Amino acid sequence: MLTTVVIPAYNEEQYLSRCLEALAHQTYPTGSFEVIVVDNGSTDATAEIARRWRARVVQEPCKGVARARQTGFEAARGEIIASTDADTCVAPFWLARSVAHFREDPALGGVYGPVRWYDGQPADQWVLQHPVVWAQWLSHRARRDLWWGSNFAVRREIFWKAGGFPVDWATGEDTDLSLRVSRIARVRFDPDLVVYTSSRRAQEGWFKLARGTLTGAVERFMLRRPPSQPMVDLR
Protein backbone atom coordinates (compact mmCIF):
# COMPACT_ATOMS: atom_id res chain seq x y z
CA MET A 1 0.00 0.00 0.00
CA LEU A 2 1.77 3.15 -1.21
CA THR A 3 1.95 5.80 1.52
CA THR A 4 3.03 9.43 1.34
CA VAL A 5 4.50 11.38 4.24
CA VAL A 6 3.96 15.15 4.02
CA ILE A 7 6.13 17.61 5.97
CA PRO A 8 5.56 21.38 5.77
CA ALA A 9 8.81 23.27 6.25
CA TYR A 10 9.74 26.92 6.61
CA ASN A 11 13.38 27.59 7.54
CA GLU A 12 13.71 24.22 9.26
CA GLU A 13 17.40 23.49 8.71
CA GLN A 14 17.92 23.11 12.47
CA TYR A 15 15.40 20.25 12.78
CA LEU A 16 14.73 18.70 9.39
CA SER A 17 17.67 16.26 9.21
CA ARG A 18 16.62 14.61 12.45
CA CYS A 19 13.07 14.21 11.17
CA LEU A 20 14.13 12.74 7.82
CA GLU A 21 16.66 10.42 9.44
CA ALA A 22 13.86 8.90 11.53
CA LEU A 23 11.80 8.38 8.37
CA ALA A 24 14.79 6.77 6.66
CA HIS A 25 14.84 4.06 9.35
CA GLN A 26 11.23 2.93 9.07
CA THR A 27 10.42 -0.76 9.21
CA TYR A 28 7.86 -0.14 6.46
CA PRO A 29 9.38 -1.17 3.08
CA THR A 30 11.37 1.66 1.51
CA GLY A 31 9.72 1.29 -1.89
CA SER A 32 6.26 1.50 -0.35
CA PHE A 33 6.40 5.11 0.77
CA GLU A 34 7.53 8.52 -0.38
CA VAL A 35 8.43 11.62 1.61
CA ILE A 36 7.37 15.08 0.47
CA VAL A 37 8.88 18.19 2.03
CA VAL A 38 6.87 21.30 1.20
CA ASP A 39 9.29 24.21 1.11
CA ASN A 40 7.12 27.12 2.21
CA GLY A 41 9.38 29.94 1.03
CA SER A 42 12.45 29.04 3.10
CA THR A 43 15.52 31.26 2.94
CA ASP A 44 17.87 28.71 4.53
CA ALA A 45 19.08 25.23 3.51
CA THR A 46 15.74 23.48 4.11
CA ALA A 47 15.26 22.34 0.49
CA GLU A 48 18.89 21.27 0.14
CA ILE A 49 18.69 19.14 3.29
CA ALA A 50 15.45 17.55 2.10
CA ARG A 51 17.03 16.57 -1.24
CA ARG A 52 20.07 15.22 0.55
CA TRP A 53 17.76 12.78 2.34
CA ARG A 54 16.08 11.94 -1.00
CA ALA A 55 12.79 13.55 -0.13
CA ARG A 56 10.69 15.04 -2.91
CA VAL A 57 10.67 18.82 -2.54
CA VAL A 58 7.49 20.66 -3.51
CA GLN A 59 7.51 24.44 -3.54
CA GLU A 60 4.71 26.50 -1.99
CA PRO A 61 5.71 30.18 -2.10
CA CYS A 62 2.46 31.41 -0.51
CA LYS A 63 3.23 31.44 3.22
CA GLY A 64 1.06 29.52 5.66
CA VAL A 65 1.21 26.08 7.22
CA ALA A 66 -2.34 25.20 6.12
CA ARG A 67 -1.51 26.06 2.52
CA ALA A 68 1.76 24.13 2.74
CA ARG A 69 0.03 21.02 4.08
CA GLN A 70 -2.63 21.27 1.37
CA THR A 71 0.00 21.57 -1.37
CA GLY A 72 1.79 18.50 -0.03
CA PHE A 73 -1.39 16.46 0.15
CA GLU A 74 -2.30 17.49 -3.40
CA ALA A 75 1.10 16.25 -4.60
CA ALA A 76 0.85 12.94 -2.70
CA ARG A 77 0.77 9.74 -4.74
CA GLY A 78 -0.07 7.42 -1.87
CA GLU A 79 -3.39 5.83 -1.05
CA ILE A 80 -2.59 6.72 2.57
CA ILE A 81 -1.22 10.17 3.43
CA ALA A 82 0.64 10.55 6.72
CA SER A 83 1.42 13.92 8.25
CA THR A 84 4.25 15.04 10.50
CA ASP A 85 6.33 18.16 11.12
CA ALA A 86 9.95 19.07 10.52
CA ASP A 87 10.76 19.26 14.25
CA THR A 88 9.24 15.84 14.93
CA CYS A 89 10.86 12.40 15.23
CA VAL A 90 8.75 9.33 14.56
CA ALA A 91 9.39 5.81 15.84
CA PRO A 92 10.73 3.16 13.41
CA PHE A 93 7.33 1.43 13.42
CA TRP A 94 5.33 4.64 12.83
CA LEU A 95 4.40 4.03 9.20
CA ALA A 96 3.99 0.27 9.51
CA ARG A 97 1.66 0.61 12.49
CA SER A 98 -0.34 3.39 10.88
CA VAL A 99 -0.85 1.50 7.62
CA ALA A 100 -1.72 -1.71 9.50
CA HIS A 101 -4.79 0.02 10.94
CA PHE A 102 -6.04 0.84 7.44
CA ARG A 103 -5.38 -2.69 6.21
CA GLU A 104 -7.30 -4.18 9.14
CA ASP A 105 -10.29 -1.89 8.63
CA PRO A 106 -11.16 -0.95 5.02
CA ALA A 107 -13.72 1.56 6.30
CA LEU A 108 -11.18 3.42 8.45
CA GLY A 109 -10.77 7.05 7.40
CA GLY A 110 -7.97 8.19 9.68
CA VAL A 111 -5.65 7.23 12.53
CA TYR A 112 -3.68 9.33 14.97
CA GLY A 113 -1.69 9.13 18.18
CA PRO A 114 -0.18 11.21 20.99
CA VAL A 115 2.51 13.85 20.60
CA ARG A 116 5.19 14.25 23.25
CA TRP A 117 8.18 16.53 23.65
CA TYR A 118 11.69 15.16 23.47
CA ASP A 119 13.06 18.21 25.30
CA GLY A 120 11.74 20.87 27.67
CA GLN A 121 10.99 20.86 31.37
CA PRO A 122 9.47 17.80 33.12
CA ALA A 123 6.31 19.78 33.92
CA ASP A 124 5.93 20.67 30.24
CA GLN A 125 6.39 17.04 29.23
CA TRP A 126 3.81 15.93 31.80
CA VAL A 127 1.15 18.18 30.24
CA LEU A 128 1.49 16.52 26.85
CA GLN A 129 1.81 13.04 28.29
CA HIS A 130 -1.31 13.20 30.46
CA PRO A 131 -3.89 16.06 30.19
CA VAL A 132 -3.48 16.43 26.42
CA VAL A 133 -3.79 12.67 25.85
CA TRP A 134 -6.86 12.56 28.12
CA ALA A 135 -8.41 15.32 25.99
CA GLN A 136 -7.68 13.34 22.84
CA TRP A 137 -9.27 10.23 24.36
CA LEU A 138 -12.37 12.21 25.28
CA SER A 139 -12.61 13.77 21.82
CA HIS A 140 -12.30 10.31 20.29
CA ARG A 141 -14.99 8.85 22.55
CA ALA A 142 -17.26 11.74 21.53
CA ARG A 143 -16.47 11.09 17.85
CA ARG A 144 -15.05 14.60 17.58
CA ASP A 145 -11.44 13.60 17.04
CA LEU A 146 -8.70 16.19 17.52
CA TRP A 147 -5.40 15.21 15.96
CA TRP A 148 -2.24 17.25 15.53
CA GLY A 149 -0.51 17.83 12.21
CA SER A 150 2.60 16.13 13.52
CA ASN A 151 0.96 12.73 13.99
CA PHE A 152 -1.91 11.49 11.85
CA ALA A 153 -2.65 9.55 8.68
CA VAL A 154 -5.72 9.66 6.49
CA ARG A 155 -7.01 7.77 3.49
CA ARG A 156 -6.55 10.03 0.47
CA GLU A 157 -10.13 9.63 -0.77
CA ILE A 158 -11.45 10.57 2.68
CA PHE A 159 -9.18 13.62 2.79
CA TRP A 160 -10.74 14.90 -0.43
CA LYS A 161 -14.24 13.94 0.62
CA ALA A 162 -13.77 15.94 3.83
CA GLY A 163 -12.69 18.99 1.81
CA GLY A 164 -8.98 19.19 2.59
CA PHE A 165 -7.35 21.84 4.77
CA PRO A 166 -8.78 25.36 5.20
CA VAL A 167 -5.90 27.06 3.38
CA ASP A 168 -6.75 30.58 4.55
CA TRP A 169 -6.58 29.66 8.24
CA ALA A 170 -3.56 30.89 10.20
CA THR A 171 -3.78 27.99 12.65
CA GLY A 172 -6.00 25.05 13.62
CA GLU A 173 -6.05 23.56 10.14
CA ASP A 174 -5.10 20.11 11.47
CA THR A 175 -7.87 19.79 14.05
CA ASP A 176 -10.39 21.31 11.65
CA LEU A 177 -9.63 18.50 9.20
CA SER A 178 -9.85 15.87 11.94
CA LEU A 179 -13.29 17.07 12.99
CA ARG A 180 -14.57 16.92 9.42
CA VAL A 181 -13.04 13.49 8.80
CA SER A 182 -14.61 12.11 12.00
CA ARG A 183 -18.04 13.19 10.74
CA ILE A 184 -17.83 11.12 7.56
CA ALA A 185 -15.61 8.14 8.42
CA ARG A 186 -14.38 5.98 11.28
CA VAL A 187 -11.24 7.32 12.99
CA ARG A 188 -8.95 5.44 15.36
CA PHE A 189 -6.92 6.85 18.22
CA ASP A 190 -3.87 4.68 18.91
CA PRO A 191 -2.21 5.60 22.25
CA ASP A 192 0.91 3.64 21.30
CA LEU A 193 1.42 5.57 18.06
CA VAL A 194 3.59 8.18 19.77
CA VAL A 195 5.82 10.77 18.10
CA TYR A 196 8.25 13.18 19.73
CA THR A 197 8.49 16.83 18.80
CA SER A 198 10.37 19.89 20.03
CA SER A 199 9.06 22.03 22.87
CA ARG A 200 9.61 25.28 21.00
CA ARG A 201 5.93 26.17 21.29
CA ALA A 202 6.20 26.09 25.07
CA GLN A 203 9.06 28.58 24.87
CA GLU A 204 6.48 31.22 23.99
CA GLY A 205 5.29 30.86 27.57
CA TRP A 206 2.44 28.73 28.90
CA PHE A 207 0.19 31.71 29.54
CA LYS A 208 0.44 32.96 25.97
CA LEU A 209 0.09 29.47 24.55
CA ALA A 210 -2.93 28.65 26.71
CA ARG A 211 -4.60 31.99 25.95
CA GLY A 212 -4.17 31.48 22.21
CA THR A 213 -5.47 27.91 22.41
CA LEU A 214 -8.52 28.93 24.47
CA THR A 215 -9.30 31.90 22.22
CA GLY A 216 -9.08 29.69 19.15
CA ALA A 217 -11.36 27.07 20.73
CA VAL A 218 -14.01 29.67 21.60
CA GLU A 219 -13.92 31.12 18.08
CA ARG A 220 -14.16 27.75 16.39
CA PHE A 221 -16.57 25.82 18.59
CA MET A 222 -18.78 28.58 20.00
CA LEU A 223 -18.62 31.44 17.50
CA ARG A 224 -18.25 29.09 14.50
CA ARG A 225 -15.52 31.09 12.81
CA PRO A 226 -11.84 30.55 11.94
CA PRO A 227 -9.20 31.37 14.60
CA SER A 228 -8.21 35.03 14.27
CA GLN A 229 -4.91 34.91 16.14
CA PRO A 230 -2.03 33.23 14.29
CA MET A 231 0.57 31.30 16.23
CA VAL A 232 4.23 32.31 16.16
CA ASP A 233 5.52 31.68 12.64
CA LEU A 234 7.52 28.47 13.07
CA ARG A 235 6.53 26.30 10.11
C-alpha atoms as a PDB file:
ATOM      1  CA  MET A   1       0.000   0.000   0.000  1.00  0.00           C
ATOM      2  CA  LEU A   2       1.772   3.147  -1.211  1.00  0.00           C
ATOM      3  CA  THR A   3       1.947   5.799   1.515  1.00  0.00           C
ATOM      4  CA  THR A   4       3.029   9.431   1.337  1.00  0.00           C
ATOM      5  CA  VAL A   5       4.499  11.380   4.244  1.00  0.00           C
ATOM      6  CA  VAL A   6       3.962  15.150   4.020  1.00  0.00           C
ATOM      7  CA  ILE A   7       6.133  17.607   5.967  1.00  0.00           C
ATOM      8  CA  PRO A   8       5.561  21.383   5.766  1.00  0.00           C
ATOM      9  CA  ALA A   9       8.807  23.271   6.249  1.00  0.00           C
ATOM     10  CA  TYR A  10       9.740  26.923   6.611  1.00  0.00           C
ATOM     11  CA  ASN A  11      13.381  27.595   7.542  1.00  0.00           C
ATOM     12  CA  GLU A  12      13.711  24.224   9.265  1.00  0.00           C
ATOM     13  CA  GLU A  13      17.398  23.485   8.709  1.00  0.00           C
ATOM     14  CA  GLN A  14      17.917  23.113  12.469  1.00  0.00           C
ATOM     15  CA  TYR A  15      15.402  20.254  12.778  1.00  0.00           C
ATOM     16  CA  LEU A  16      14.729  18.697   9.389  1.00  0.00           C
ATOM     17  CA  SER A  17      17.675  16.260   9.206  1.00  0.00           C
ATOM     18  CA  ARG A  18      16.622  14.607  12.446  1.00  0.00           C
ATOM     19  CA  CYS A  19      13.069  14.212  11.168  1.00  0.00           C
ATOM     20  CA  LEU A  20      14.131  12.738   7.822  1.00  0.00           C
ATOM     21  CA  GLU A  21      16.665  10.421   9.439  1.00  0.00           C
ATOM     22  CA  ALA A  22      13.864   8.902  11.526  1.00  0.00           C
ATOM     23  CA  LEU A  23      11.804   8.377   8.374  1.00  0.00           C
ATOM     24  CA  ALA A  24      14.786   6.774   6.656  1.00  0.00           C
ATOM     25  CA  HIS A  25      14.837   4.064   9.351  1.00  0.00           C
ATOM     26  CA  GLN A  26      11.227   2.934   9.072  1.00  0.00           C
ATOM     27  CA  THR A  27      10.416  -0.760   9.214  1.00  0.00           C
ATOM     28  CA  TYR A  28       7.862  -0.136   6.457  1.00  0.00           C
ATOM     29  CA  PRO A  29       9.385  -1.173   3.084  1.00  0.00           C
ATOM     30  CA  THR A  30      11.371   1.661   1.506  1.00  0.00           C
ATOM     31  CA  GLY A  31       9.721   1.287  -1.891  1.00  0.00           C
ATOM     32  CA  SER A  32       6.259   1.500  -0.349  1.00  0.00           C
ATOM     33  CA  PHE A  33       6.397   5.110   0.775  1.00  0.00           C
ATOM     34  CA  GLU A  34       7.529   8.523  -0.382  1.00  0.00           C
ATOM     35  CA  VAL A  35       8.435  11.622   1.609  1.00  0.00           C
ATOM     36  CA  ILE A  36       7.366  15.084   0.467  1.00  0.00           C
ATOM     37  CA  VAL A  37       8.876  18.192   2.034  1.00  0.00           C
ATOM     38  CA  VAL A  38       6.874  21.302   1.195  1.00  0.00           C
ATOM     39  CA  ASP A  39       9.291  24.211   1.105  1.00  0.00           C
ATOM     40  CA  ASN A  40       7.124  27.122   2.213  1.00  0.00           C
ATOM     41  CA  GLY A  41       9.377  29.939   1.025  1.00  0.00           C
ATOM     42  CA  SER A  42      12.445  29.037   3.102  1.00  0.00           C
ATOM     43  CA  THR A  43      15.523  31.256   2.938  1.00  0.00           C
ATOM     44  CA  ASP A  44      17.871  28.711   4.528  1.00  0.00           C
ATOM     45  CA  ALA A  45      19.084  25.229   3.509  1.00  0.00           C
ATOM     46  CA  THR A  46      15.741  23.477   4.111  1.00  0.00           C
ATOM     47  CA  ALA A  47      15.262  22.344   0.489  1.00  0.00           C
ATOM     48  CA  GLU A  48      18.892  21.265   0.138  1.00  0.00           C
ATOM     49  CA  ILE A  49      18.689  19.139   3.287  1.00  0.00           C
ATOM     50  CA  ALA A  50      15.453  17.545   2.095  1.00  0.00           C
ATOM     51  CA  ARG A  51      17.026  16.566  -1.238  1.00  0.00           C
ATOM     52  CA  ARG A  52      20.072  15.216   0.553  1.00  0.00           C
ATOM     53  CA  TRP A  53      17.758  12.775   2.342  1.00  0.00           C
ATOM     54  CA  ARG A  54      16.080  11.940  -1.004  1.00  0.00           C
ATOM     55  CA  ALA A  55      12.789  13.552  -0.129  1.00  0.00           C
ATOM     56  CA  ARG A  56      10.687  15.040  -2.911  1.00  0.00           C
ATOM     57  CA  VAL A  57      10.668  18.820  -2.545  1.00  0.00           C
ATOM     58  CA  VAL A  58       7.485  20.658  -3.506  1.00  0.00           C
ATOM     59  CA  GLN A  59       7.512  24.443  -3.539  1.00  0.00           C
ATOM     60  CA  GLU A  60       4.712  26.497  -1.993  1.00  0.00           C
ATOM     61  CA  PRO A  61       5.709  30.178  -2.102  1.00  0.00           C
ATOM     62  CA  CYS A  62       2.463  31.407  -0.509  1.00  0.00           C
ATOM     63  CA  LYS A  63       3.227  31.445   3.218  1.00  0.00           C
ATOM     64  CA  GLY A  64       1.064  29.523   5.656  1.00  0.00           C
ATOM     65  CA  VAL A  65       1.206  26.076   7.219  1.00  0.00           C
ATOM     66  CA  ALA A  66      -2.340  25.200   6.116  1.00  0.00           C
ATOM     67  CA  ARG A  67      -1.514  26.063   2.522  1.00  0.00           C
ATOM     68  CA  ALA A  68       1.764  24.126   2.742  1.00  0.00           C
ATOM     69  CA  ARG A  69       0.027  21.021   4.084  1.00  0.00           C
ATOM     70  CA  GLN A  70      -2.629  21.274   1.366  1.00  0.00           C
ATOM     71  CA  THR A  71       0.000  21.568  -1.374  1.00  0.00           C
ATOM     72  CA  GLY A  72       1.793  18.499  -0.034  1.00  0.00           C
ATOM     73  CA  PHE A  73      -1.395  16.461   0.152  1.00  0.00           C
ATOM     74  CA  GLU A  74      -2.299  17.490  -3.402  1.00  0.00           C
ATOM     75  CA  ALA A  75       1.096  16.248  -4.603  1.00  0.00           C
ATOM     76  CA  ALA A  76       0.850  12.944  -2.703  1.00  0.00           C
ATOM     77  CA  ARG A  77       0.769   9.743  -4.744  1.00  0.00           C
ATOM     78  CA  GLY A  78      -0.065   7.421  -1.871  1.00  0.00           C
ATOM     79  CA  GLU A  79      -3.391   5.829  -1.052  1.00  0.00           C
ATOM     80  CA  ILE A  80      -2.593   6.723   2.566  1.00  0.00           C
ATOM     81  CA  ILE A  81      -1.220  10.167   3.431  1.00  0.00           C
ATOM     82  CA  ALA A  82       0.640  10.554   6.715  1.00  0.00           C
ATOM     83  CA  SER A  83       1.419  13.925   8.249  1.00  0.00           C
ATOM     84  CA  THR A  84       4.246  15.036  10.496  1.00  0.00           C
ATOM     85  CA  ASP A  85       6.331  18.165  11.121  1.00  0.00           C
ATOM     86  CA  ALA A  86       9.954  19.068  10.516  1.00  0.00           C
ATOM     87  CA  ASP A  87      10.758  19.262  14.246  1.00  0.00           C
ATOM     88  CA  THR A  88       9.239  15.837  14.931  1.00  0.00           C
ATOM     89  CA  CYS A  89      10.859  12.401  15.228  1.00  0.00           C
ATOM     90  CA  VAL A  90       8.747   9.329  14.562  1.00  0.00           C
ATOM     91  CA  ALA A  91       9.389   5.808  15.836  1.00  0.00           C
ATOM     92  CA  PRO A  92      10.727   3.161  13.410  1.00  0.00           C
ATOM     93  CA  PHE A  93       7.330   1.432  13.419  1.00  0.00           C
ATOM     94  CA  TRP A  94       5.332   4.644  12.828  1.00  0.00           C
ATOM     95  CA  LEU A  95       4.404   4.035   9.202  1.00  0.00           C
ATOM     96  CA  ALA A  96       3.995   0.265   9.506  1.00  0.00           C
ATOM     97  CA  ARG A  97       1.665   0.609  12.494  1.00  0.00           C
ATOM     98  CA  SER A  98      -0.339   3.393  10.883  1.00  0.00           C
ATOM     99  CA  VAL A  99      -0.851   1.504   7.623  1.00  0.00           C
ATOM    100  CA  ALA A 100      -1.720  -1.705   9.505  1.00  0.00           C
ATOM    101  CA  HIS A 101      -4.795   0.024  10.935  1.00  0.00           C
ATOM    102  CA  PHE A 102      -6.036   0.837   7.435  1.00  0.00           C
ATOM    103  CA  ARG A 103      -5.380  -2.689   6.212  1.00  0.00           C
ATOM    104  CA  GLU A 104      -7.298  -4.176   9.138  1.00  0.00           C
ATOM    105  CA  ASP A 105     -10.286  -1.889   8.628  1.00  0.00           C
ATOM    106  CA  PRO A 106     -11.155  -0.952   5.015  1.00  0.00           C
ATOM    107  CA  ALA A 107     -13.722   1.563   6.299  1.00  0.00           C
ATOM    108  CA  LEU A 108     -11.177   3.419   8.448  1.00  0.00           C
ATOM    109  CA  GLY A 109     -10.769   7.045   7.398  1.00  0.00           C
ATOM    110  CA  GLY A 110      -7.970   8.185   9.677  1.00  0.00           C
ATOM    111  CA  VAL A 111      -5.648   7.226  12.525  1.00  0.00           C
ATOM    112  CA  TYR A 112      -3.682   9.329  14.969  1.00  0.00           C
ATOM    113  CA  GLY A 113      -1.686   9.132  18.180  1.00  0.00           C
ATOM    114  CA  PRO A 114      -0.182  11.210  20.992  1.00  0.00           C
ATOM    115  CA  VAL A 115       2.511  13.847  20.600  1.00  0.00           C
ATOM    116  CA  ARG A 116       5.193  14.247  23.245  1.00  0.00           C
ATOM    117  CA  TRP A 117       8.178  16.535  23.647  1.00  0.00           C
ATOM    118  CA  TYR A 118      11.685  15.156  23.468  1.00  0.00           C
ATOM    119  CA  ASP A 119      13.056  18.211  25.303  1.00  0.00           C
ATOM    120  CA  GLY A 120      11.743  20.872  27.670  1.00  0.00           C
ATOM    121  CA  GLN A 121      10.994  20.858  31.373  1.00  0.00           C
ATOM    122  CA  PRO A 122       9.472  17.804  33.120  1.00  0.00           C
ATOM    123  CA  ALA A 123       6.309  19.783  33.915  1.00  0.00           C
ATOM    124  CA  ASP A 124       5.930  20.673  30.239  1.00  0.00           C
ATOM    125  CA  GLN A 125       6.389  17.039  29.226  1.00  0.00           C
ATOM    126  CA  TRP A 126       3.807  15.932  31.800  1.00  0.00           C
ATOM    127  CA  VAL A 127       1.154  18.179  30.242  1.00  0.00           C
ATOM    128  CA  LEU A 128       1.486  16.517  26.851  1.00  0.00           C
ATOM    129  CA  GLN A 129       1.809  13.035  28.289  1.00  0.00           C
ATOM    130  CA  HIS A 130      -1.310  13.201  30.456  1.00  0.00           C
ATOM    131  CA  PRO A 131      -3.887  16.057  30.193  1.00  0.00           C
ATOM    132  CA  VAL A 132      -3.484  16.426  26.417  1.00  0.00           C
ATOM    133  CA  VAL A 133      -3.790  12.666  25.849  1.00  0.00           C
ATOM    134  CA  TRP A 134      -6.861  12.559  28.117  1.00  0.00           C
ATOM    135  CA  ALA A 135      -8.405  15.323  25.994  1.00  0.00           C
ATOM    136  CA  GLN A 136      -7.682  13.337  22.835  1.00  0.00           C
ATOM    137  CA  TRP A 137      -9.267  10.231  24.356  1.00  0.00           C
ATOM    138  CA  LEU A 138     -12.371  12.211  25.279  1.00  0.00           C
ATOM    139  CA  SER A 139     -12.614  13.768  21.823  1.00  0.00           C
ATOM    140  CA  HIS A 140     -12.303  10.315  20.295  1.00  0.00           C
ATOM    141  CA  ARG A 141     -14.988   8.850  22.548  1.00  0.00           C
ATOM    142  CA  ALA A 142     -17.259  11.735  21.534  1.00  0.00           C
ATOM    143  CA  ARG A 143     -16.467  11.093  17.845  1.00  0.00           C
ATOM    144  CA  ARG A 144     -15.054  14.596  17.576  1.00  0.00           C
ATOM    145  CA  ASP A 145     -11.445  13.605  17.042  1.00  0.00           C
ATOM    146  CA  LEU A 146      -8.697  16.188  17.524  1.00  0.00           C
ATOM    147  CA  TRP A 147      -5.402  15.208  15.958  1.00  0.00           C
ATOM    148  CA  TRP A 148      -2.237  17.250  15.532  1.00  0.00           C
ATOM    149  CA  GLY A 149      -0.511  17.833  12.210  1.00  0.00           C
ATOM    150  CA  SER A 150       2.604  16.125  13.515  1.00  0.00           C
ATOM    151  CA  ASN A 151       0.957  12.728  13.988  1.00  0.00           C
ATOM    152  CA  PHE A 152      -1.908  11.490  11.851  1.00  0.00           C
ATOM    153  CA  ALA A 153      -2.646   9.555   8.682  1.00  0.00           C
ATOM    154  CA  VAL A 154      -5.718   9.657   6.486  1.00  0.00           C
ATOM    155  CA  ARG A 155      -7.012   7.767   3.493  1.00  0.00           C
ATOM    156  CA  ARG A 156      -6.549  10.028   0.471  1.00  0.00           C
ATOM    157  CA  GLU A 157     -10.132   9.626  -0.772  1.00  0.00           C
ATOM    158  CA  ILE A 158     -11.448  10.567   2.680  1.00  0.00           C
ATOM    159  CA  PHE A 159      -9.185  13.620   2.791  1.00  0.00           C
ATOM    160  CA  TRP A 160     -10.736  14.895  -0.425  1.00  0.00           C
ATOM    161  CA  LYS A 161     -14.243  13.941   0.615  1.00  0.00           C
ATOM    162  CA  ALA A 162     -13.765  15.944   3.828  1.00  0.00           C
ATOM    163  CA  GLY A 163     -12.691  18.987   1.809  1.00  0.00           C
ATOM    164  CA  GLY A 164      -8.979  19.189   2.592  1.00  0.00           C
ATOM    165  CA  PHE A 165      -7.351  21.844   4.773  1.00  0.00           C
ATOM    166  CA  PRO A 166      -8.779  25.361   5.199  1.00  0.00           C
ATOM    167  CA  VAL A 167      -5.899  27.061   3.378  1.00  0.00           C
ATOM    168  CA  ASP A 168      -6.751  30.575   4.548  1.00  0.00           C
ATOM    169  CA  TRP A 169      -6.577  29.660   8.242  1.00  0.00           C
ATOM    170  CA  ALA A 170      -3.559  30.887  10.199  1.00  0.00           C
ATOM    171  CA  THR A 171      -3.781  27.991  12.654  1.00  0.00           C
ATOM    172  CA  GLY A 172      -5.997  25.054  13.623  1.00  0.00           C
ATOM    173  CA  GLU A 173      -6.053  23.555  10.143  1.00  0.00           C
ATOM    174  CA  ASP A 174      -5.099  20.112  11.472  1.00  0.00           C
ATOM    175  CA  THR A 175      -7.866  19.794  14.051  1.00  0.00           C
ATOM    176  CA  ASP A 176     -10.391  21.310  11.649  1.00  0.00           C
ATOM    177  CA  LEU A 177      -9.625  18.502   9.196  1.00  0.00           C
ATOM    178  CA  SER A 178      -9.846  15.866  11.939  1.00  0.00           C
ATOM    179  CA  LEU A 179     -13.290  17.069  12.993  1.00  0.00           C
ATOM    180  CA  ARG A 180     -14.570  16.922   9.420  1.00  0.00           C
ATOM    181  CA  VAL A 181     -13.037  13.492   8.798  1.00  0.00           C
ATOM    182  CA  SER A 182     -14.605  12.114  11.996  1.00  0.00           C
ATOM    183  CA  ARG A 183     -18.036  13.187  10.742  1.00  0.00           C
ATOM    184  CA  ILE A 184     -17.829  11.124   7.560  1.00  0.00           C
ATOM    185  CA  ALA A 185     -15.610   8.144   8.420  1.00  0.00           C
ATOM    186  CA  ARG A 186     -14.382   5.982  11.276  1.00  0.00           C
ATOM    187  CA  VAL A 187     -11.245   7.320  12.992  1.00  0.00           C
ATOM    188  CA  ARG A 188      -8.954   5.437  15.361  1.00  0.00           C
ATOM    189  CA  PHE A 189      -6.916   6.852  18.220  1.00  0.00           C
ATOM    190  CA  ASP A 190      -3.868   4.676  18.908  1.00  0.00           C
ATOM    191  CA  PRO A 191      -2.212   5.603  22.246  1.00  0.00           C
ATOM    192  CA  ASP A 192       0.914   3.643  21.298  1.00  0.00           C
ATOM    193  CA  LEU A 193       1.424   5.574  18.056  1.00  0.00           C
ATOM    194  CA  VAL A 194       3.592   8.181  19.774  1.00  0.00           C
ATOM    195  CA  VAL A 195       5.818  10.774  18.100  1.00  0.00           C
ATOM    196  CA  TYR A 196       8.251  13.183  19.735  1.00  0.00           C
ATOM    197  CA  THR A 197       8.488  16.834  18.805  1.00  0.00           C
ATOM    198  CA  SER A 198      10.373  19.891  20.031  1.00  0.00           C
ATOM    199  CA  SER A 199       9.056  22.031  22.872  1.00  0.00           C
ATOM    200  CA  ARG A 200       9.611  25.284  20.998  1.00  0.00           C
ATOM    201  CA  ARG A 201       5.926  26.165  21.286  1.00  0.00           C
ATOM    202  CA  ALA A 202       6.197  26.087  25.075  1.00  0.00           C
ATOM    203  CA  GLN A 203       9.060  28.576  24.868  1.00  0.00           C
ATOM    204  CA  GLU A 204       6.480  31.221  23.986  1.00  0.00           C
ATOM    205  CA  GLY A 205       5.289  30.858  27.573  1.00  0.00           C
ATOM    206  CA  TRP A 206       2.436  28.730  28.900  1.00  0.00           C
ATOM    207  CA  PHE A 207       0.189  31.711  29.544  1.00  0.00           C
ATOM    208  CA  LYS A 208       0.444  32.964  25.974  1.00  0.00           C
ATOM    209  CA  LEU A 209       0.090  29.470  24.546  1.00  0.00           C
ATOM    210  CA  ALA A 210      -2.933  28.646  26.713  1.00  0.00           C
ATOM    211  CA  ARG A 211      -4.602  31.989  25.947  1.00  0.00           C
ATOM    212  CA  GLY A 212      -4.166  31.476  22.212  1.00  0.00           C
ATOM    213  CA  THR A 213      -5.473  27.907  22.408  1.00  0.00           C
ATOM    214  CA  LEU A 214      -8.518  28.932  24.466  1.00  0.00           C
ATOM    215  CA  THR A 215      -9.296  31.897  22.216  1.00  0.00           C
ATOM    216  CA  GLY A 216      -9.082  29.686  19.147  1.00  0.00           C
ATOM    217  CA  ALA A 217     -11.356  27.070  20.734  1.00  0.00           C
ATOM    218  CA  VAL A 218     -14.008  29.673  21.598  1.00  0.00           C
ATOM    219  CA  GLU A 219     -13.917  31.118  18.082  1.00  0.00           C
ATOM    220  CA  ARG A 220     -14.156  27.746  16.387  1.00  0.00           C
ATOM    221  CA  PHE A 221     -16.568  25.821  18.592  1.00  0.00           C
ATOM    222  CA  MET A 222     -18.784  28.581  19.999  1.00  0.00           C
ATOM    223  CA  LEU A 223     -18.623  31.440  17.499  1.00  0.00           C
ATOM    224  CA  ARG A 224     -18.245  29.090  14.499  1.00  0.00           C
ATOM    225  CA  ARG A 225     -15.521  31.089  12.809  1.00  0.00           C
ATOM    226  CA  PRO A 226     -11.836  30.549  11.945  1.00  0.00           C
ATOM    227  CA  PRO A 227      -9.196  31.371  14.601  1.00  0.00           C
ATOM    228  CA  SER A 228      -8.209  35.027  14.274  1.00  0.00           C
ATOM    229  CA  GLN A 229      -4.910  34.910  16.143  1.00  0.00           C
ATOM    230  CA  PRO A 230      -2.028  33.231  14.287  1.00  0.00           C
ATOM    231  CA  MET A 231       0.569  31.296  16.231  1.00  0.00           C
ATOM    232  CA  VAL A 232       4.226  32.311  16.161  1.00  0.00           C
ATOM    233  CA  ASP A 233       5.521  31.680  12.638  1.00  0.00           C
ATOM    234  CA  LEU A 234       7.517  28.469  13.073  1.00  0.00           C
ATOM    235  CA  ARG A 235       6.532  26.303  10.112  1.00  0.00           C
END
